[in-house]
C-alpha atoms as a PDB file:
ATOM      1  CA  MET A   1       0.000   0.000   0.000  1.00  0.00           C
ATOM      2  CA  VAL A   2       1.330   3.423  -0.915  1.00  0.00           C
ATOM      3  CA  PHE A   3       1.112   5.979   1.864  1.00  0.00           C
ATOM      4  CA  LYS A   4      -0.297   9.341   0.830  1.00  0.00           C
ATOM      5  CA  PRO A   5       0.330  12.256   3.167  1.00  0.00           C
ATOM      6  CA  ALA A   6      -2.661  14.249   4.334  1.00  0.00           C
ATOM      7  CA  ALA A   7      -3.507  17.212   2.132  1.00  0.00           C
ATOM      8  CA  PRO A   8      -2.957  20.677   3.623  1.00  0.00           C
ATOM      9  CA  MET A   9      -6.009  22.114   5.363  1.00  0.00           C
ATOM     10  CA  ARG A  10      -6.807  24.532   2.518  1.00  0.00           C
ATOM     11  CA  SER A  11      -6.467  21.786  -0.119  1.00  0.00           C
ATOM     12  CA  ARG A  12      -8.741  19.501   1.873  1.00  0.00           C
ATOM     13  CA  ARG A  13     -11.337  22.276   2.104  1.00  0.00           C
ATOM     14  CA  GLN A  14     -11.156  22.899  -1.663  1.00  0.00           C
ATOM     15  CA  LEU A  15     -11.554  19.185  -2.350  1.00  0.00           C
ATOM     16  CA  ALA A  16     -14.517  19.048   0.016  1.00  0.00           C
ATOM     17  CA  LEU A  17     -16.153  22.006  -1.710  1.00  0.00           C
ATOM     18  CA  LYS A  18     -15.682  20.407  -5.131  1.00  0.00           C
ATOM     19  CA  ARG A  19     -17.067  17.100  -3.866  1.00  0.00           C
ATOM     20  CA  TYR A  20     -20.053  18.929  -2.397  1.00  0.00           C
ATOM     21  CA  ALA A  21     -20.647  20.817  -5.638  1.00  0.00           C
ATOM     22  CA  ARG A  22     -20.582  17.616  -7.680  1.00  0.00           C
ATOM     23  CA  ASN A  23     -23.117  16.108  -5.290  1.00  0.00           C
ATOM     24  CA  MET A  24     -25.491  19.031  -5.906  1.00  0.00           C
ATOM     25  CA  THR A  25     -26.461  17.313  -9.149  1.00  0.00           C
ATOM     26  CA  PRO A  26     -27.421  13.627  -9.048  1.00  0.00           C
ATOM     27  CA  PHE A  27     -25.717  12.903 -12.385  1.00  0.00           C
ATOM     28  CA  PRO A  28     -21.981  13.676 -12.022  1.00  0.00           C
ATOM     29  CA  LEU A  29     -21.016  10.875 -14.438  1.00  0.00           C
ATOM     30  CA  LEU A  30     -23.175  12.237 -17.284  1.00  0.00           C
ATOM     31  CA  THR A  31     -21.666  15.714 -17.585  1.00  0.00           C
ATOM     32  CA  ASN A  32     -20.091  14.952 -20.983  1.00  0.00           C
ATOM     33  CA  LEU A  33     -23.283  13.534 -22.484  1.00  0.00           C
ATOM     34  CA  PRO A  34     -24.524  16.798 -24.108  1.00  0.00           C
ATOM     35  CA  SER A  35     -21.428  16.879 -26.337  1.00  0.00           C
ATOM     36  CA  GLN A  36     -22.443  13.492 -27.766  1.00  0.00           C
ATOM     37  CA  LEU A  37     -25.902  14.657 -28.850  1.00  0.00           C
ATOM     38  CA  ARG A  38     -26.675  16.067 -32.286  1.00  0.00           C
ATOM     39  CA  GLN A  39     -30.125  17.684 -32.026  1.00  0.00           C
ATOM     40  CA  PRO A  40     -29.813  21.283 -30.679  1.00  0.00           C
ATOM     41  CA  ALA A  41     -32.957  21.118 -28.526  1.00  0.00           C
ATOM     42  CA  VAL A  42     -31.931  17.752 -27.077  1.00  0.00           C
ATOM     43  CA  ARG A  43     -28.472  19.121 -26.302  1.00  0.00           C
ATOM     44  CA  ASP A  44     -30.108  22.046 -24.501  1.00  0.00           C
ATOM     45  CA  LEU A  45     -32.393  19.661 -22.614  1.00  0.00           C
ATOM     46  CA  ALA A  46     -29.447  17.515 -21.522  1.00  0.00           C
ATOM     47  CA  TRP A  47     -27.510  20.640 -20.540  1.00  0.00           C
ATOM     48  CA  ALA A  48     -30.395  21.890 -18.383  1.00  0.00           C
ATOM     49  CA  LEU A  49     -30.627  18.564 -16.539  1.00  0.00           C
ATOM     50  CA  LEU A  50     -26.911  17.889 -16.139  1.00  0.00           C
ATOM     51  CA  SER A  51     -25.149  21.250 -15.739  1.00  0.00           C
ATOM     52  CA  PRO A  52     -24.090  22.413 -12.259  1.00  0.00           C
ATOM     53  CA  PRO A  53     -25.755  25.284 -10.403  1.00  0.00           C
ATOM     54  CA  LEU A  54     -24.070  28.680 -10.259  1.00  0.00           C
ATOM     55  CA  LEU A  55     -24.007  28.834  -6.477  1.00  0.00           C
ATOM     56  CA  ALA A  56     -23.247  26.436  -3.641  1.00  0.00           C
ATOM     57  CA  GLN A  57     -24.766  28.669  -0.951  1.00  0.00           C
ATOM     58  CA  THR A  58     -28.184  30.288  -1.336  1.00  0.00           C
ATOM     59  CA  PRO A  59     -30.545  31.910   1.185  1.00  0.00           C
ATOM     60  CA  TRP A  60     -33.207  29.307   0.365  1.00  0.00           C
ATOM     61  CA  PRO A  61     -32.692  25.567  -0.184  1.00  0.00           C
ATOM     62  CA  GLN A  62     -31.363  24.670  -3.603  1.00  0.00           C
ATOM     63  CA  ARG A  63     -32.784  21.391  -4.910  1.00  0.00           C
ATOM     64  CA  HIS A  64     -32.185  19.576  -8.176  1.00  0.00           C
ATOM     65  CA  PRO A  65     -35.672  18.924  -9.621  1.00  0.00           C
ATOM     66  CA  LEU A  66     -34.785  15.281 -10.399  1.00  0.00           C
ATOM     67  CA  GLN A  67     -33.213  14.632  -6.998  1.00  0.00           C
ATOM     68  CA  ALA A  68     -35.771  11.996  -5.979  1.00  0.00           C
ATOM     69  CA  SER A  69     -36.621  10.648  -9.428  1.00  0.00           C
ATOM     70  CA  ARG A  70     -35.771   7.037 -10.258  1.00  0.00           C
ATOM     71  CA  TRP A  71     -33.345   8.467 -12.802  1.00  0.00           C
ATOM     72  CA  SER A  72     -31.194   9.668  -9.883  1.00  0.00           C
ATOM     73  CA  GLN A  73     -30.715   6.024  -8.841  1.00  0.00           C
ATOM     74  CA  GLN A  74     -30.389   4.868 -12.471  1.00  0.00           C
ATOM     75  CA  PRO A  75     -28.452   7.541 -14.411  1.00  0.00           C
ATOM     76  CA  ASP A  76     -28.024   5.152 -17.341  1.00  0.00           C
ATOM     77  CA  ALA A  77     -31.801   5.219 -17.815  1.00  0.00           C
ATOM     78  CA  LEU A  78     -31.694   9.019 -18.155  1.00  0.00           C
ATOM     79  CA  ALA A  79     -28.819   8.732 -20.630  1.00  0.00           C
ATOM     80  CA  ASP A  80     -30.797   6.194 -22.680  1.00  0.00           C
ATOM     81  CA  TRP A  81     -33.837   8.508 -22.680  1.00  0.00           C
ATOM     82  CA  LEU A  82     -31.781  11.444 -23.928  1.00  0.00           C
ATOM     83  CA  LEU A  83     -30.083   9.326 -26.590  1.00  0.00           C
ATOM     84  CA  SER A  84     -33.459   8.068 -27.814  1.00  0.00           C
ATOM     85  CA  LEU A  85     -34.704  11.669 -28.031  1.00  0.00           C
ATOM     86  CA  ASP A  86     -31.608  12.550 -30.008  1.00  0.00           C
ATOM     87  CA  ALA A  87     -32.495   9.818 -32.487  1.00  0.00           C
ATOM     88  CA  ASP A  88     -36.094  11.096 -32.730  1.00  0.00           C
ATOM     89  CA  SER A  89     -36.810  14.517 -31.191  1.00  0.00           C
ATOM     90  CA  HIS A  90     -40.403  14.788 -32.476  1.00  0.00           C
ATOM     91  CA  ASP A  91     -42.008  14.707 -29.011  1.00  0.00           C
ATOM     92  CA  LEU A  92     -39.675  17.389 -27.667  1.00  0.00           C
ATOM     93  CA  GLN A  93     -40.117  19.612 -30.720  1.00  0.00           C
ATOM     94  CA  GLN A  94     -43.888  19.270 -30.494  1.00  0.00           C
ATOM     95  CA  TRP A  95     -43.800  20.187 -26.795  1.00  0.00           C
ATOM     96  CA  LEU A  96     -41.699  23.276 -27.430  1.00  0.00           C
ATOM     97  CA  SER A  97     -43.921  24.387 -30.325  1.00  0.00           C
ATOM     98  CA  GLN A  98     -47.041  24.502 -28.123  1.00  0.00           C
ATOM     99  CA  ARG A  99     -46.036  27.894 -26.700  1.00  0.00           C
ATOM    100  CA  SER A 100     -44.276  30.949 -28.039  1.00  0.00           C
ATOM    101  CA  ILE A 101     -40.845  30.964 -26.404  1.00  0.00           C
ATOM    102  CA  ARG A 102     -38.972  34.206 -26.971  1.00  0.00           C
ATOM    103  CA  ARG A 103     -37.150  34.540 -23.664  1.00  0.00           C
ATOM    104  CA  LEU A 104     -34.286  32.250 -22.731  1.00  0.00           C
ATOM    105  CA  GLY A 105     -35.756  31.753 -19.254  1.00  0.00           C
ATOM    106  CA  LEU A 106     -39.052  30.477 -20.673  1.00  0.00           C
ATOM    107  CA  TYR A 107     -37.197  28.081 -22.968  1.00  0.00           C
ATOM    108  CA  TYR A 108     -35.266  26.765 -19.967  1.00  0.00           C
ATOM    109  CA  GLU A 109     -38.498  26.248 -18.016  1.00  0.00           C
ATOM    110  CA  ARG A 110     -40.154  24.414 -20.914  1.00  0.00           C
ATOM    111  CA  LEU A 111     -37.190  22.052 -21.180  1.00  0.00           C
ATOM    112  CA  TRP A 112     -37.461  21.255 -17.481  1.00  0.00           C
ATOM    113  CA  GLN A 113     -41.216  20.746 -17.718  1.00  0.00           C
ATOM    114  CA  PHE A 114     -40.773  18.241 -20.550  1.00  0.00           C
ATOM    115  CA  ALA A 115     -38.219  16.262 -18.547  1.00  0.00           C
ATOM    116  CA  LEU A 116     -40.233  16.293 -15.328  1.00  0.00           C
ATOM    117  CA  HIS A 117     -43.344  15.020 -17.100  1.00  0.00           C
ATOM    118  CA  ALA A 118     -41.261  12.096 -18.360  1.00  0.00           C
ATOM    119  CA  ALA A 119     -39.246  11.442 -15.197  1.00  0.00           C
ATOM    120  CA  PRO A 120     -40.117   8.178 -13.398  1.00  0.00           C
ATOM    121  CA  GLY A 121     -41.074   8.780  -9.788  1.00  0.00           C
ATOM    122  CA  VAL A 122     -42.036  12.424 -10.347  1.00  0.00           C
ATOM    123  CA  GLU A 123     -45.594  13.737 -10.650  1.00  0.00           C
ATOM    124  CA  VAL A 124     -46.012  17.227 -12.073  1.00  0.00           C
ATOM    125  CA  LEU A 125     -48.891  18.870 -10.230  1.00  0.00           C
ATOM    126  CA  ALA A 126     -48.816  22.282 -11.928  1.00  0.00           C
ATOM    127  CA  ALA A 127     -46.522  24.551 -13.926  1.00  0.00           C
ATOM    128  CA  ASN A 128     -46.498  28.360 -14.181  1.00  0.00           C
ATOM    129  CA  LEU A 129     -49.434  28.481 -11.768  1.00  0.00           C
ATOM    130  CA  PRO A 130     -50.696  32.089 -11.431  1.00  0.00           C
ATOM    131  CA  ILE A 131     -51.561  33.328  -7.934  1.00  0.00           C
ATOM    132  CA  ARG A 132     -54.107  36.141  -7.935  1.00  0.00           C
ATOM    133  CA  GLN A 133     -55.626  38.547  -5.445  1.00  0.00           C
ATOM    134  CA  HIS A 134     -58.801  40.421  -6.412  1.00  0.00           C
ATOM    135  CA  GLY A 135     -58.032  39.873 -10.099  1.00  0.00           C
ATOM    136  CA  HIS A 136     -54.438  41.087  -9.741  1.00  0.00           C
ATOM    137  CA  THR A 137     -51.681  38.558 -10.454  1.00  0.00           C
ATOM    138  CA  LEU A 138     -49.211  38.393  -7.569  1.00  0.00           C
ATOM    139  CA  GLY A 139     -46.889  36.044  -9.434  1.00  0.00           C
ATOM    140  CA  GLU A 140     -46.511  32.504 -10.735  1.00  0.00           C
ATOM    141  CA  LEU A 141     -45.241  29.310  -9.156  1.00  0.00           C
ATOM    142  CA  ASP A 142     -42.816  27.825 -11.685  1.00  0.00           C
ATOM    143  CA  MET A 143     -43.208  24.154 -10.790  1.00  0.00           C
ATOM    144  CA  LEU A 144     -45.223  22.115  -8.321  1.00  0.00           C
ATOM    145  CA  LEU A 145     -44.342  18.442  -8.179  1.00  0.00           C
ATOM    146  CA  ARG A 146     -44.606  15.392  -5.964  1.00  0.00           C
ATOM    147  CA  ASP A 147     -41.949  12.716  -5.456  1.00  0.00           C
ATOM    148  CA  GLU A 148     -40.959  10.277  -2.717  1.00  0.00           C
ATOM    149  CA  GLU A 149     -39.555  13.172  -0.669  1.00  0.00           C
ATOM    150  CA  GLY A 150     -42.834  15.085  -0.630  1.00  0.00           C
ATOM    151  CA  VAL A 151     -44.498  17.978  -2.451  1.00  0.00           C
ATOM    152  CA  HIS A 152     -42.243  20.732  -3.796  1.00  0.00           C
ATOM    153  CA  HIS A 153     -42.561  24.262  -5.121  1.00  0.00           C
ATOM    154  CA  LEU A 154     -39.541  24.892  -7.340  1.00  0.00           C
ATOM    155  CA  GLU A 155     -38.390  28.127  -8.903  1.00  0.00           C
ATOM    156  CA  LEU A 156     -36.169  27.576 -11.947  1.00  0.00           C
ATOM    157  CA  ALA A 157     -33.832  30.216 -13.356  1.00  0.00           C
ATOM    158  CA  ILE A 158     -31.136  30.386 -16.019  1.00  0.00           C
ATOM    159  CA  LYS A 159     -28.754  33.338 -15.733  1.00  0.00           C
ATOM    160  CA  LEU A 160     -25.602  34.596 -17.409  1.00  0.00           C
ATOM    161  CA  TYR A 161     -23.696  37.168 -15.366  1.00  0.00           C
ATOM    162  CA  LEU A 162     -20.596  39.245 -16.122  1.00  0.00           C
ATOM    163  CA  GLY A 163     -18.220  40.389 -13.402  1.00  0.00           C
ATOM    164  CA  GLN A 164     -18.177  44.188 -13.175  1.00  0.00           C
ATOM    165  CA  PRO A 165     -14.844  45.828 -13.989  1.00  0.00           C
ATOM    166  CA  SER A 166     -12.938  47.430 -11.115  1.00  0.00           C
ATOM    167  CA  CYS A 167     -14.474  44.943  -8.671  1.00  0.00           C
ATOM    168  CA  ASN A 168     -12.991  41.700  -7.365  1.00  0.00           C
ATOM    169  CA  GLY A 169     -15.973  39.385  -7.933  1.00  0.00           C
ATOM    170  CA  THR A 170     -16.365  38.056  -4.411  1.00  0.00           C
ATOM    171  CA  ASP A 171     -19.640  39.910  -3.748  1.00  0.00           C
ATOM    172  CA  LEU A 172     -22.836  38.854  -5.510  1.00  0.00           C
ATOM    173  CA  ALA A 173     -23.463  42.536  -6.322  1.00  0.00           C
ATOM    174  CA  HIS A 174     -20.377  42.510  -8.561  1.00  0.00           C
ATOM    175  CA  TRP A 175     -22.154  40.339 -11.172  1.00  0.00           C
ATOM    176  CA  LEU A 176     -24.391  41.903 -13.833  1.00  0.00           C
ATOM    177  CA  GLY A 177     -26.515  40.533 -16.660  1.00  0.00           C
ATOM    178  CA  PRO A 178     -25.354  41.261 -20.240  1.00  0.00           C
ATOM    179  CA  GLY A 179     -27.787  44.190 -20.407  1.00  0.00           C
ATOM    180  CA  SER A 180     -26.420  45.461 -17.044  1.00  0.00           C
ATOM    181  CA  HIS A 181     -29.955  45.867 -15.626  1.00  0.00           C
ATOM    182  CA  ASP A 182     -29.996  42.495 -13.847  1.00  0.00           C
ATOM    183  CA  ARG A 183     -27.725  41.773 -10.870  1.00  0.00           C
ATOM    184  CA  LEU A 184     -27.040  38.483  -9.127  1.00  0.00           C
ATOM    185  CA  ASP A 185     -27.697  39.701  -5.590  1.00  0.00           C
ATOM    186  CA  LEU A 186     -30.953  41.379  -6.663  1.00  0.00           C
ATOM    187  CA  LYS A 187     -32.079  38.197  -8.430  1.00  0.00           C
ATOM    188  CA  LEU A 188     -31.546  36.183  -5.265  1.00  0.00           C
ATOM    189  CA  THR A 189     -33.328  38.826  -3.207  1.00  0.00           C
ATOM    190  CA  HIS A 190     -36.344  38.687  -5.543  1.00  0.00           C
ATOM    191  CA  LEU A 191     -36.360  34.894  -5.388  1.00  0.00           C
ATOM    192  CA  GLY A 192     -36.053  34.892  -1.610  1.00  0.00           C
ATOM    193  CA  GLN A 193     -38.468  37.695  -0.782  1.00  0.00           C
ATOM    194  CA  HIS A 194     -41.126  37.258  -3.468  1.00  0.00           C
ATOM    195  CA  GLN A 195     -41.076  34.159  -5.662  1.00  0.00           C
ATOM    196  CA  LEU A 196     -40.243  31.443  -3.133  1.00  0.00           C
ATOM    197  CA  PRO A 197     -42.452  32.711  -0.254  1.00  0.00           C
ATOM    198  CA  LEU A 198     -45.373  33.094  -2.679  1.00  0.00           C
ATOM    199  CA  SER A 199     -46.515  29.504  -2.116  1.00  0.00           C
ATOM    200  CA  THR A 200     -46.956  30.218   1.628  1.00  0.00           C
ATOM    201  CA  ARG A 201     -49.290  33.198   1.130  1.00  0.00           C
ATOM    202  CA  ALA A 202     -52.971  32.799   1.942  1.00  0.00           C
ATOM    203  CA  GLU A 203     -53.928  33.500  -1.689  1.00  0.00           C
ATOM    204  CA  ALA A 204     -51.645  30.672  -2.827  1.00  0.00           C
ATOM    205  CA  GLN A 205     -52.827  28.294  -0.120  1.00  0.00           C
ATOM    206  CA  GLN A 206     -56.406  28.716  -1.302  1.00  0.00           C
ATOM    207  CA  ARG A 207     -55.436  28.010  -4.913  1.00  0.00           C
ATOM    208  CA  LEU A 208     -53.307  25.026  -3.911  1.00  0.00           C
ATOM    209  CA  SER A 209     -56.132  23.580  -1.809  1.00  0.00           C
ATOM    210  CA  GLU A 210     -58.368  23.670  -4.881  1.00  0.00           C
ATOM    211  CA  LEU A 211     -55.750  21.458  -6.587  1.00  0.00           C
ATOM    212  CA  ASN A 212     -55.428  19.218  -3.502  1.00  0.00           C
ATOM    213  CA  ILE A 213     -51.820  20.350  -2.947  1.00  0.00           C
ATOM    214  CA  GLN A 214     -50.778  20.664   0.688  1.00  0.00           C
ATOM    215  CA  ARG A 215     -47.829  22.675   2.078  1.00  0.00           C
ATOM    216  CA  PRO A 216     -45.201  22.379  -0.654  1.00  0.00           C
ATOM    217  CA  GLN A 217     -41.547  22.758   0.284  1.00  0.00           C
ATOM    218  CA  ALA A 218     -40.055  25.749  -1.558  1.00  0.00           C
ATOM    219  CA  ALA A 219     -36.636  25.518  -3.207  1.00  0.00           C
ATOM    220  CA  LEU A 220     -34.763  26.993  -6.155  1.00  0.00           C
ATOM    221  CA  TRP A 221     -32.490  25.777  -8.947  1.00  0.00           C
ATOM    222  CA  LEU A 222     -30.232  28.410 -10.533  1.00  0.00           C
ATOM    223  CA  GLY A 223     -28.224  27.376 -13.582  1.00  0.00           C
ATOM    224  CA  GLY A 224     -26.084  29.358 -16.007  1.00  0.00           C
ATOM    225  CA  TYR A 225     -22.614  30.801 -16.580  1.00  0.00           C
ATOM    226  CA  LEU A 226     -20.354  33.411 -14.985  1.00  0.00           C
ATOM    227  CA  PHE A 227     -18.166  35.495 -17.310  1.00  0.00           C
ATOM    228  CA  TYR A 228     -14.908  36.920 -15.982  1.00  0.00           C
ATOM    229  CA  PRO A 229     -13.252  40.171 -17.178  1.00  0.00           C
ATOM    230  CA  TRP A 230     -10.570  39.319 -19.694  1.00  0.00           C
ATOM    231  CA  GLN A 231      -8.150  41.969 -18.445  1.00  0.00           C
ATOM    232  CA  GLN A 232      -8.505  41.020 -14.759  1.00  0.00           C
ATOM    233  CA  PRO A 233      -7.034  37.498 -14.558  1.00  0.00           C
ATOM    234  CA  SER A 234      -7.156  37.515 -10.745  1.00  0.00           C
ATOM    235  CA  TYR A 235     -10.911  38.185 -10.699  1.00  0.00           C
ATOM    236  CA  ALA A 236     -12.502  35.930  -8.066  1.00  0.00           C
ATOM    237  CA  ALA A 237     -15.689  33.906  -8.048  1.00  0.00           C
ATOM    238  CA  PRO A 238     -18.485  34.914  -5.654  1.00  0.00           C
ATOM    239  CA  ALA A 239     -17.888  33.703  -2.110  1.00  0.00           C
ATOM    240  CA  GLU A 240     -21.133  31.711  -2.398  1.00  0.00           C
ATOM    241  CA  GLY A 241     -20.170  30.281  -5.794  1.00  0.00           C
ATOM    242  CA  ASN A 242     -20.185  26.639  -6.771  1.00  0.00           C
ATOM    243  CA  PRO A 243     -16.551  25.659  -7.443  1.00  0.00           C
ATOM    244  CA  GLU A 244     -17.771  23.674 -10.472  1.00  0.00           C
ATOM    245  CA  HIS A 245     -19.806  26.495 -12.042  1.00  0.00           C
ATOM    246  CA  LEU A 246     -19.646  27.044 -15.800  1.00  0.00           C
ATOM    247  CA  ARG A 247     -17.641  30.050 -16.911  1.00  0.00           C
ATOM    248  CA  GLY A 248     -16.461  32.224 -19.769  1.00  0.00           C
ATOM    249  CA  ARG A 249     -14.800  35.613 -20.257  1.00  0.00           C
ATOM    250  CA  TRP A 250     -15.947  39.026 -21.440  1.00  0.00           C
ATOM    251  CA  LEU A 251     -14.267  42.018 -23.074  1.00  0.00           C
ATOM    252  CA  HIS A 252     -15.041  45.419 -24.506  1.00  0.00           C
ATOM    253  CA  ARG A 253     -15.281  45.895 -28.260  1.00  0.00           C
ATOM    254  CA  ALA A 254     -12.122  48.051 -28.326  1.00  0.00           C
ATOM    255  CA  ASP A 255     -10.125  45.138 -26.874  1.00  0.00           C
ATOM    256  CA  TRP A 256     -11.095  42.593 -29.531  1.00  0.00           C
ATOM    257  CA  SER A 257      -7.971  42.932 -31.699  1.00  0.00           C
ATOM    258  CA  ASP A 258      -5.680  42.466 -28.719  1.00  0.00           C
ATOM    259  CA  PHE A 259      -7.780  39.593 -27.405  1.00  0.00           C
ATOM    260  CA  ALA A 260      -7.865  37.846 -30.795  1.00  0.00           C
ATOM    261  CA  MET A 261      -4.087  38.142 -31.080  1.00  0.00           C
ATOM    262  CA  HIS A 262      -3.659  36.389 -27.721  1.00  0.00           C
ATOM    263  CA  THR A 263      -6.558  33.952 -28.267  1.00  0.00           C
ATOM    264  CA  PRO A 264      -6.532  32.955 -31.944  1.00  0.00           C
ATOM    265  CA  GLY A 265      -9.172  30.570 -33.202  1.00  0.00           C
ATOM    266  CA  GLN A 266     -12.332  30.051 -35.199  1.00  0.00           C
ATOM    267  CA  TRP A 267     -14.728  32.575 -33.627  1.00  0.00           C
ATOM    268  CA  GLN A 268     -18.439  32.862 -34.356  1.00  0.00           C
ATOM    269  CA  PRO A 269     -21.445  34.578 -32.686  1.00  0.00           C
ATOM    270  CA  LEU A 270     -24.348  32.588 -31.294  1.00  0.00           C
ATOM    271  CA  ASP A 271     -28.001  33.565 -31.543  1.00  0.00           C
ATOM    272  CA  ARG A 272     -29.633  34.091 -28.147  1.00  0.00           C
ATOM    273  CA  HIS A 273     -31.692  30.901 -28.360  1.00  0.00           C
ATOM    274  CA  ALA A 274     -28.406  28.932 -28.599  1.00  0.00           C
ATOM    275  CA  TRP A 275     -26.851  30.240 -25.374  1.00  0.00           C
ATOM    276  CA  LEU A 276     -27.482  27.145 -23.229  1.00  0.00           C
ATOM    277  CA  ALA A 277     -25.527  24.039 -24.256  1.00  0.00           C
ATOM    278  CA  PRO A 278     -21.970  24.305 -25.603  1.00  0.00           C
ATOM    279  CA  ALA A 279     -22.176  25.002 -29.338  1.00  0.00           C
ATOM    280  CA  CYS A 280     -21.951  22.294 -31.979  1.00  0.00           C
ATOM    281  CA  ILE A 281     -21.787  23.797 -35.484  1.00  0.00           C
ATOM    282  CA  GLU A 282     -22.061  21.784 -38.677  1.00  0.00           C
ATOM    283  CA  GLU A 283     -19.182  22.436 -41.036  1.00  0.00           C
ATOM    284  CA  ALA A 284     -21.571  23.843 -43.651  1.00  0.00           C
ATOM    285  CA  CYS A 285     -22.637  26.537 -41.156  1.00  0.00           C
ATOM    286  CA  LEU A 286     -19.104  27.480 -40.110  1.00  0.00           C
ATOM    287  CA  TRP A 287     -18.193  31.110 -40.735  1.00  0.00           C
ATOM    288  CA  SER A 288     -15.066  32.029 -42.626  1.00  0.00           C
ATOM    289  CA  ARG A 289     -12.627  34.479 -41.067  1.00  0.00           C
ATOM    290  CA  GLU A 290     -13.725  37.030 -43.678  1.00  0.00           C
ATOM    291  CA  HIS A 291     -17.397  36.533 -42.793  1.00  0.00           C
ATOM    292  CA  PHE A 292     -16.657  37.094 -39.107  1.00  0.00           C
ATOM    293  CA  ASN A 293     -14.616  40.239 -39.808  1.00  0.00           C
ATOM    294  CA  GLN A 294     -17.428  41.643 -41.969  1.00  0.00           C
ATOM    295  CA  TRP A 295     -19.965  40.910 -39.234  1.00  0.00           C
ATOM    296  CA  LEU A 296     -17.780  42.592 -36.633  1.00  0.00           C
ATOM    297  CA  ALA A 297     -17.226  45.675 -38.812  1.00  0.00           C
ATOM    298  CA  ALA A 298     -20.975  46.025 -39.372  1.00  0.00           C
ATOM    299  CA  LEU A 299     -21.843  45.623 -35.674  1.00  0.00           C
ATOM    300  CA  PRO A 300     -23.123  48.967 -34.290  1.00  0.00           C
ATOM    301  CA  SER A 301     -20.873  50.537 -31.677  1.00  0.00           C
ATOM    302  CA  ASP A 302     -23.747  50.528 -29.158  1.00  0.00           C
ATOM    303  CA  ALA A 303     -24.864  46.954 -29.944  1.00  0.00           C
ATOM    304  CA  ASN A 304     -26.145  44.699 -27.181  1.00  0.00           C
ATOM    305  CA  ALA A 305     -23.747  42.114 -25.761  1.00  0.00           C
ATOM    306  CA  GLN A 306     -22.832  39.423 -28.286  1.00  0.00           C
ATOM    307  CA  LEU A 307     -21.974  35.879 -27.213  1.00  0.00           C
ATOM    308  CA  LEU A 308     -19.054  34.514 -29.243  1.00  0.00           C
ATOM    309  CA  VAL A 309     -17.679  30.988 -29.225  1.00  0.00           C
ATOM    310  CA  CYS A 310     -14.269  29.668 -30.224  1.00  0.00           C
ATOM    311  CA  LEU A 311     -14.716  26.441 -32.172  1.00  0.00           C
ATOM    312  CA  ILE A 312     -12.444  23.449 -32.641  1.00  0.00           C
ATOM    313  CA  GLU A 313     -12.904  20.658 -35.162  1.00  0.00           C
ATOM    314  CA  GLY A 314     -14.873  17.719 -33.791  1.00  0.00           C
ATOM    315  CA  PRO A 315     -14.869  14.032 -34.702  1.00  0.00           C
ATOM    316  CA  GLN A 316     -18.032  14.003 -36.829  1.00  0.00           C
ATOM    317  CA  ASN A 317     -17.636  16.717 -39.460  1.00  0.00           C
ATOM    318  CA  ASP A 318     -18.660  19.324 -36.909  1.00  0.00           C
ATOM    319  CA  TRP A 319     -17.081  22.081 -34.844  1.00  0.00           C
ATOM    320  CA  LEU A 320     -17.353  22.139 -31.055  1.00  0.00           C
ATOM    321  CA  GLU A 321     -17.230  25.014 -28.585  1.00  0.00           C
ATOM    322  CA  ALA A 322     -13.900  25.352 -26.788  1.00  0.00           C
ATOM    323  CA  GLU A 323     -14.563  28.710 -25.110  1.00  0.00           C
ATOM    324  CA  ARG A 324     -17.269  31.370 -24.926  1.00  0.00           C
ATOM    325  CA  VAL A 325     -16.902  35.104 -24.415  1.00  0.00           C
ATOM    326  CA  PHE A 326     -19.249  38.060 -24.263  1.00  0.00           C
ATOM    327  CA  LEU A 327     -18.288  40.999 -26.476  1.00  0.00           C
ATOM    328  CA  VAL A 328     -19.833  44.167 -25.001  1.00  0.00           C
ATOM    329  CA  ASN A 329     -19.904  47.742 -26.214  1.00  0.00           C
ATOM    330  CA  ASP A 330     -17.201  50.080 -24.947  1.00  0.00           C
ATOM    331  CA  HIS A 331     -19.575  51.846 -22.548  1.00  0.00           C
ATOM    332  CA  TRP A 332     -20.613  48.669 -20.728  1.00  0.00           C
ATOM    333  CA  PRO A 333     -21.856  48.399 -18.026  1.00  0.00           C
ATOM    334  CA  ALA A 334     -23.391  51.808 -18.776  1.00  0.00           C
ATOM    335  CA  GLN A 335     -26.031  51.649 -21.509  1.00  0.00           C
ATOM    336  CA  PRO A 336     -27.275  54.298 -23.973  1.00  0.00           C
ATOM    337  CA  GLY A 337     -29.740  56.531 -22.156  1.00  0.00           C
ATOM    338  CA  ASP A 338     -28.412  55.681 -18.706  1.00  0.00           C
END
């Protein structure tokens, strides 16, 4: 037997945090599955189910929606389900087409709803349930479900946040949405003070009683990416962050030439609806360097944040995402009219 000395205290703590973060999702062995899938919507579905949460510490309980499903005890069964959908995505496409989905958050919710309806051991009781008072809508409950651990009210959110320049990143307030009007600490405050307590209000209790739903346990699930300032390599993650969170970088438009010189590659922008799973681009849809340069030259100086991906050649005549960055206008985080 080979003796291994004990890790230093700090190393042991980091290992413990990483182990804890991996255990926040019941499918740590399936994290590479999305890259094996070909259908974009199925890749996004797999990403939603398998990607880690942004934070390890939240003011309310954070619960993976499939935590008590039979899939959590049989991950291979989930993998088989996703692979079968990849072979024939008709049911998923039909589900998504039933509602107009313009916002990324709504798309994320619809993906989760599809999976939870199919998950063995999970009963979906309601989704996007409006709670009203005297005809005024107080809010919606994202998901109500029952499993072997009880009845649950879950709030689902997908967020992409950029670390503010001239900050160090450790505070939740240092992280802004691409449009700079959303902030990570404010999002958690809204979840904790409005959305999650909503199911305990008298108006909600009356509505839930009508559906024979008793005292659901409220929890959240917050997925997404954090983007770090390119020119601040020592920028830290939030103190509450999940050590395994997904990440990228961001830079101002004026810094692109310098950035591209230090980070050469096959760069291409992604449409907003493709911001979830890591990109997989068919060779026929790959942009030439000239096409990208023309697009960049035509981009207005005050354009909204653009998500770019660096692509590397994959094994099946496709190109796979190696890195993602947000390109923001030179005034960011200030916006025109601010």
